[in-house]
């Protein structure tokens, strides 16, 4: 019996003694994970509703669209920074090269890195995307309504 056959026989004996199975293992797919996800979605929906409500409130209180644009810019900055910082930290934890790529090519590589790691980084990626969407909305509002109307 060759050395390789001995190693294989030993490995097979160990597997028979301690079989590998997934029975009884919790991988986050139990009922509690669904409650956590539902709670997070509810909280996220409430935050988005509150933000949209504040924007419309400012729009109604001021006949000046400049205030609405300013609120949208602040929302854009806050959401973008939250997502960008979170993704940058995750990129540096993976490797220095990934972190530097996120820093140097921020607007281009953040969504790429976020979607490549979508299982772990879906929340910061969506935050960053919501910030970008708010910036585009503010720009469209500014261009269509004008700065002083």
C-alpha atoms as a PDB file:
ATOM      1  CA  UNK A   1       0.000   0.000   0.000  1.00  0.00           C
ATOM      2  CA  UNK A   2       1.482   3.328  -1.056  1.00  0.00           C
ATOM      3  CA  UNK A   3       1.718   6.400   1.154  1.00  0.00           C
ATOM      4  CA  UNK A   4      -1.139   8.075  -0.739  1.00  0.00           C
ATOM      5  CA  UNK A   5      -3.408   5.066  -0.219  1.00  0.00           C
ATOM      6  CA  UNK A   6      -2.606   5.093   3.509  1.00  0.00           C
ATOM      7  CA  UNK A   7      -3.509   8.790   3.767  1.00  0.00           C
ATOM      8  CA  UNK A   8      -6.765   8.213   1.866  1.00  0.00           C
ATOM      9  CA  UNK A   9      -7.692   5.235   4.038  1.00  0.00           C
ATOM     10  CA  UNK A  10      -7.008   7.239   7.192  1.00  0.00           C
ATOM     11  CA  UNK A  11      -9.119  10.147   5.909  1.00  0.00           C
ATOM     12  CA  UNK A  12     -11.998   7.834   4.983  1.00  0.00           C
ATOM     13  CA  UNK A  13     -11.873   6.213   8.435  1.00  0.00           C
ATOM     14  CA  UNK A  14     -12.005   9.640  10.096  1.00  0.00           C
ATOM     15  CA  UNK A  15     -14.987  10.660   7.944  1.00  0.00           C
ATOM     16  CA  UNK A  16     -16.824   7.468   8.900  1.00  0.00           C
ATOM     17  CA  UNK A  17     -16.159   8.164  12.589  1.00  0.00           C
ATOM     18  CA  UNK A  18     -17.210  11.823  12.366  1.00  0.00           C
ATOM     19  CA  UNK A  19     -19.566  12.228   9.404  1.00  0.00           C
ATOM     20  CA  UNK A  20     -19.953  15.721   8.008  1.00  0.00           C
ATOM     21  CA  UNK A  21     -23.557  16.855   7.924  1.00  0.00           C
ATOM     22  CA  UNK A  22     -25.556  20.043   8.057  1.00  0.00           C
ATOM     23  CA  UNK A  23     -28.260  18.674  10.304  1.00  0.00           C
ATOM     24  CA  UNK A  24     -28.930  20.850  13.292  1.00  0.00           C
ATOM     25  CA  UNK A  25     -26.763  23.676  11.994  1.00  0.00           C
ATOM     26  CA  UNK A  26     -28.170  27.201  12.040  1.00  0.00           C
ATOM     27  CA  UNK A  27     -27.094  29.231   9.047  1.00  0.00           C
ATOM     28  CA  UNK A  28     -29.338  32.213   9.651  1.00  0.00           C
ATOM     29  CA  UNK A  29     -32.255  30.738   7.759  1.00  0.00           C
ATOM     30  CA  UNK A  30     -34.453  30.153  10.780  1.00  0.00           C
ATOM     31  CA  UNK A  31     -37.650  32.020  11.585  1.00  0.00           C
ATOM     32  CA  UNK A  32     -35.800  34.626  13.659  1.00  0.00           C
ATOM     33  CA  UNK A  33     -33.840  35.810  10.620  1.00  0.00           C
ATOM     34  CA  UNK A  34     -37.077  36.536   8.779  1.00  0.00           C
ATOM     35  CA  UNK A  35     -38.313  38.614  11.715  1.00  0.00           C
ATOM     36  CA  UNK A  36     -35.049  40.551  11.747  1.00  0.00           C
ATOM     37  CA  UNK A  37     -35.236  41.159   8.005  1.00  0.00           C
ATOM     38  CA  UNK A  38     -38.872  42.255   8.241  1.00  0.00           C
ATOM     39  CA  UNK A  39     -38.023  44.614  11.101  1.00  0.00           C
ATOM     40  CA  UNK A  40     -35.102  46.093   9.182  1.00  0.00           C
ATOM     41  CA  UNK A  41     -37.268  46.590   6.101  1.00  0.00           C
ATOM     42  CA  UNK A  42     -39.975  48.242   8.194  1.00  0.00           C
ATOM     43  CA  UNK A  43     -37.468  50.598   9.818  1.00  0.00           C
ATOM     44  CA  UNK A  44     -35.945  51.382   6.410  1.00  0.00           C
ATOM     45  CA  UNK A  45     -39.375  52.091   4.942  1.00  0.00           C
ATOM     46  CA  UNK A  46     -40.199  54.387   7.870  1.00  0.00           C
ATOM     47  CA  UNK A  47     -36.938  56.295   7.406  1.00  0.00           C
ATOM     48  CA  UNK A  48     -37.515  56.711   3.681  1.00  0.00           C
ATOM     49  CA  UNK A  49     -41.108  57.805   4.341  1.00  0.00           C
ATOM     50  CA  UNK A  50     -39.918  60.352   6.896  1.00  0.00           C
ATOM     51  CA  UNK A  51     -37.302  61.715   4.500  1.00  0.00           C
ATOM     52  CA  UNK A  52     -39.808  62.025   1.661  1.00  0.00           C
ATOM     53  CA  UNK A  53     -42.282  63.632   4.057  1.00  0.00           C
ATOM     54  CA  UNK A  54     -39.699  66.214   5.128  1.00  0.00           C
ATOM     55  CA  UNK A  55     -38.905  66.997   1.509  1.00  0.00           C
ATOM     56  CA  UNK A  56     -42.567  67.511   0.647  1.00  0.00           C
ATOM     57  CA  UNK A  57     -43.088  69.516   3.825  1.00  0.00           C
ATOM     58  CA  UNK A  58     -40.276  71.860   2.860  1.00  0.00           C
ATOM     59  CA  UNK A  59     -41.726  72.076  -0.621  1.00  0.00           C
ATOM     60  CA  UNK A  60     -45.139  73.052   0.762  1.00  0.00           C
ATOM     61  CA  UNK A  61     -43.828  75.437   3.402  1.00  0.00           C
ATOM     62  CA  UNK A  62     -41.618  77.289   1.002  1.00  0.00           C
ATOM     63  CA  UNK A  63     -42.775  78.300  -2.401  1.00  0.00           C
ATOM     64  CA  UNK A  64     -39.091  78.457  -3.197  1.00  0.00           C
ATOM     65  CA  UNK A  65     -37.702  75.265  -4.715  1.00  0.00           C
ATOM     66  CA  UNK A  66     -34.233  76.271  -3.524  1.00  0.00           C
ATOM     67  CA  UNK A  67     -35.071  74.987  -0.036  1.00  0.00           C
ATOM     68  CA  UNK A  68     -36.167  71.660  -1.480  1.00  0.00           C
ATOM     69  CA  UNK A  69     -32.975  71.396  -3.478  1.00  0.00           C
ATOM     70  CA  UNK A  70     -30.891  72.153  -0.383  1.00  0.00           C
ATOM     71  CA  UNK A  71     -32.708  69.455   1.632  1.00  0.00           C
ATOM     72  CA  UNK A  72     -32.177  66.963  -1.175  1.00  0.00           C
ATOM     73  CA  UNK A  73     -28.479  67.847  -1.322  1.00  0.00           C
ATOM     74  CA  UNK A  74     -28.109  67.278   2.430  1.00  0.00           C
ATOM     75  CA  UNK A  75     -29.953  63.944   2.156  1.00  0.00           C
ATOM     76  CA  UNK A  76     -27.733  63.014  -0.775  1.00  0.00           C
ATOM     77  CA  UNK A  77     -24.548  63.800   1.121  1.00  0.00           C
ATOM     78  CA  UNK A  78     -25.631  61.920   4.257  1.00  0.00           C
ATOM     79  CA  UNK A  79     -26.713  58.737   2.472  1.00  0.00           C
ATOM     80  CA  UNK A  80     -23.735  58.755   0.105  1.00  0.00           C
ATOM     81  CA  UNK A  81     -21.234  59.224   2.936  1.00  0.00           C
ATOM     82  CA  UNK A  82     -22.766  56.455   5.038  1.00  0.00           C
ATOM     83  CA  UNK A  83     -22.574  54.023   2.127  1.00  0.00           C
ATOM     84  CA  UNK A  84     -19.147  55.173   0.982  1.00  0.00           C
ATOM     85  CA  UNK A  85     -17.510  54.931   4.413  1.00  0.00           C
ATOM     86  CA  UNK A  86     -19.070  51.516   5.092  1.00  0.00           C
ATOM     87  CA  UNK A  87     -17.993  50.104   1.727  1.00  0.00           C
ATOM     88  CA  UNK A  88     -14.507  51.633   2.022  1.00  0.00           C
ATOM     89  CA  UNK A  89     -13.955  49.977   5.419  1.00  0.00           C
ATOM     90  CA  UNK A  90     -15.164  46.633   4.026  1.00  0.00           C
ATOM     91  CA  UNK A  91     -12.865  47.001   1.005  1.00  0.00           C
ATOM     92  CA  UNK A  92      -9.817  47.716   3.185  1.00  0.00           C
ATOM     93  CA  UNK A  93     -10.683  44.704   5.368  1.00  0.00           C
ATOM     94  CA  UNK A  94     -10.581  42.539   2.267  1.00  0.00           C
ATOM     95  CA  UNK A  95      -7.309  43.948   0.920  1.00  0.00           C
ATOM     96  CA  UNK A  96      -5.382  47.186   0.652  1.00  0.00           C
ATOM     97  CA  UNK A  97      -5.719  47.127  -3.142  1.00  0.00           C
ATOM     98  CA  UNK A  98      -9.511  46.923  -2.956  1.00  0.00           C
ATOM     99  CA  UNK A  99      -9.588  49.746  -0.415  1.00  0.00           C
ATOM    100  CA  UNK A 100      -7.386  51.965  -2.546  1.00  0.00           C
ATOM    101  CA  UNK A 101      -9.506  51.217  -5.599  1.00  0.00           C
ATOM    102  CA  UNK A 102     -12.620  52.301  -3.695  1.00  0.00           C
ATOM    103  CA  UNK A 103     -10.896  55.492  -2.536  1.00  0.00           C
ATOM    104  CA  UNK A 104      -9.363  56.448  -5.874  1.00  0.00           C
ATOM    105  CA  UNK A 105     -12.236  55.389  -8.158  1.00  0.00           C
ATOM    106  CA  UNK A 106     -14.984  56.154  -5.638  1.00  0.00           C
ATOM    107  CA  UNK A 107     -17.924  56.884  -7.920  1.00  0.00           C
ATOM    108  CA  UNK A 108     -17.040  54.096 -10.321  1.00  0.00           C
ATOM    109  CA  UNK A 109     -15.828  51.297  -8.065  1.00  0.00           C
ATOM    110  CA  UNK A 110     -18.165  51.653  -5.062  1.00  0.00           C
ATOM    111  CA  UNK A 111     -21.186  50.169  -6.860  1.00  0.00           C
ATOM    112  CA  UNK A 112     -19.011  47.509  -8.505  1.00  0.00           C
ATOM    113  CA  UNK A 113     -17.499  46.415  -5.185  1.00  0.00           C
ATOM    114  CA  UNK A 114     -20.884  46.682  -3.450  1.00  0.00           C
ATOM    115  CA  UNK A 115     -22.640  44.489  -5.993  1.00  0.00           C
ATOM    116  CA  UNK A 116     -19.742  42.011  -6.109  1.00  0.00           C
ATOM    117  CA  UNK A 117     -20.206  41.532  -2.344  1.00  0.00           C
ATOM    118  CA  UNK A 118     -23.989  41.972  -2.419  1.00  0.00           C
ATOM    119  CA  UNK A 119     -24.675  39.397   0.298  1.00  0.00           C
ATOM    120  CA  UNK A 120     -22.588  41.270   2.856  1.00  0.00           C
ATOM    121  CA  UNK A 121     -22.840  44.846   1.553  1.00  0.00           C
ATOM    122  CA  UNK A 122     -26.384  45.287   0.275  1.00  0.00           C
ATOM    123  CA  UNK A 123     -27.300  47.836   2.948  1.00  0.00           C
ATOM    124  CA  UNK A 124     -24.382  50.255   2.338  1.00  0.00           C
ATOM    125  CA  UNK A 125     -24.693  49.787  -1.421  1.00  0.00           C
ATOM    126  CA  UNK A 126     -28.366  50.748  -1.278  1.00  0.00           C
ATOM    127  CA  UNK A 127     -27.522  53.724   0.990  1.00  0.00           C
ATOM    128  CA  UNK A 128     -24.957  54.928  -1.523  1.00  0.00           C
ATOM    129  CA  UNK A 129     -27.369  54.419  -4.424  1.00  0.00           C
ATOM    130  CA  UNK A 130     -30.137  56.299  -2.576  1.00  0.00           C
ATOM    131  CA  UNK A 131     -27.713  59.160  -2.028  1.00  0.00           C
ATOM    132  CA  UNK A 132     -26.875  59.232  -5.722  1.00  0.00           C
ATOM    133  CA  UNK A 133     -30.571  59.128  -6.610  1.00  0.00           C
ATOM    134  CA  UNK A 134     -31.219  62.051  -4.248  1.00  0.00           C
ATOM    135  CA  UNK A 135     -28.409  64.023  -5.917  1.00  0.00           C
ATOM    136  CA  UNK A 136     -29.859  63.375  -9.375  1.00  0.00           C
ATOM    137  CA  UNK A 137     -33.328  64.352  -8.125  1.00  0.00           C
ATOM    138  CA  UNK A 138     -31.965  67.585  -6.646  1.00  0.00           C
ATOM    139  CA  UNK A 139     -30.152  68.398  -9.883  1.00  0.00           C
ATOM    140  CA  UNK A 140     -33.266  67.767 -11.989  1.00  0.00           C
ATOM    141  CA  UNK A 141     -35.366  69.856  -9.592  1.00  0.00           C
ATOM    142  CA  UNK A 142     -32.830  72.678  -9.737  1.00  0.00           C
ATOM    143  CA  UNK A 143     -32.589  72.611 -13.539  1.00  0.00           C
ATOM    144  CA  UNK A 144     -36.344  72.474 -14.160  1.00  0.00           C
ATOM    145  CA  UNK A 145     -37.494  74.933 -11.485  1.00  0.00           C
ATOM    146  CA  UNK A 146     -34.488  77.247 -11.468  1.00  0.00           C
ATOM    147  CA  UNK A 147     -32.537  78.552  -8.493  1.00  0.00           C
ATOM    148  CA  UNK A 148     -34.960  81.251  -7.355  1.00  0.00           C
ATOM    149  CA  UNK A 149     -38.384  79.997  -8.326  1.00  0.00           C
END
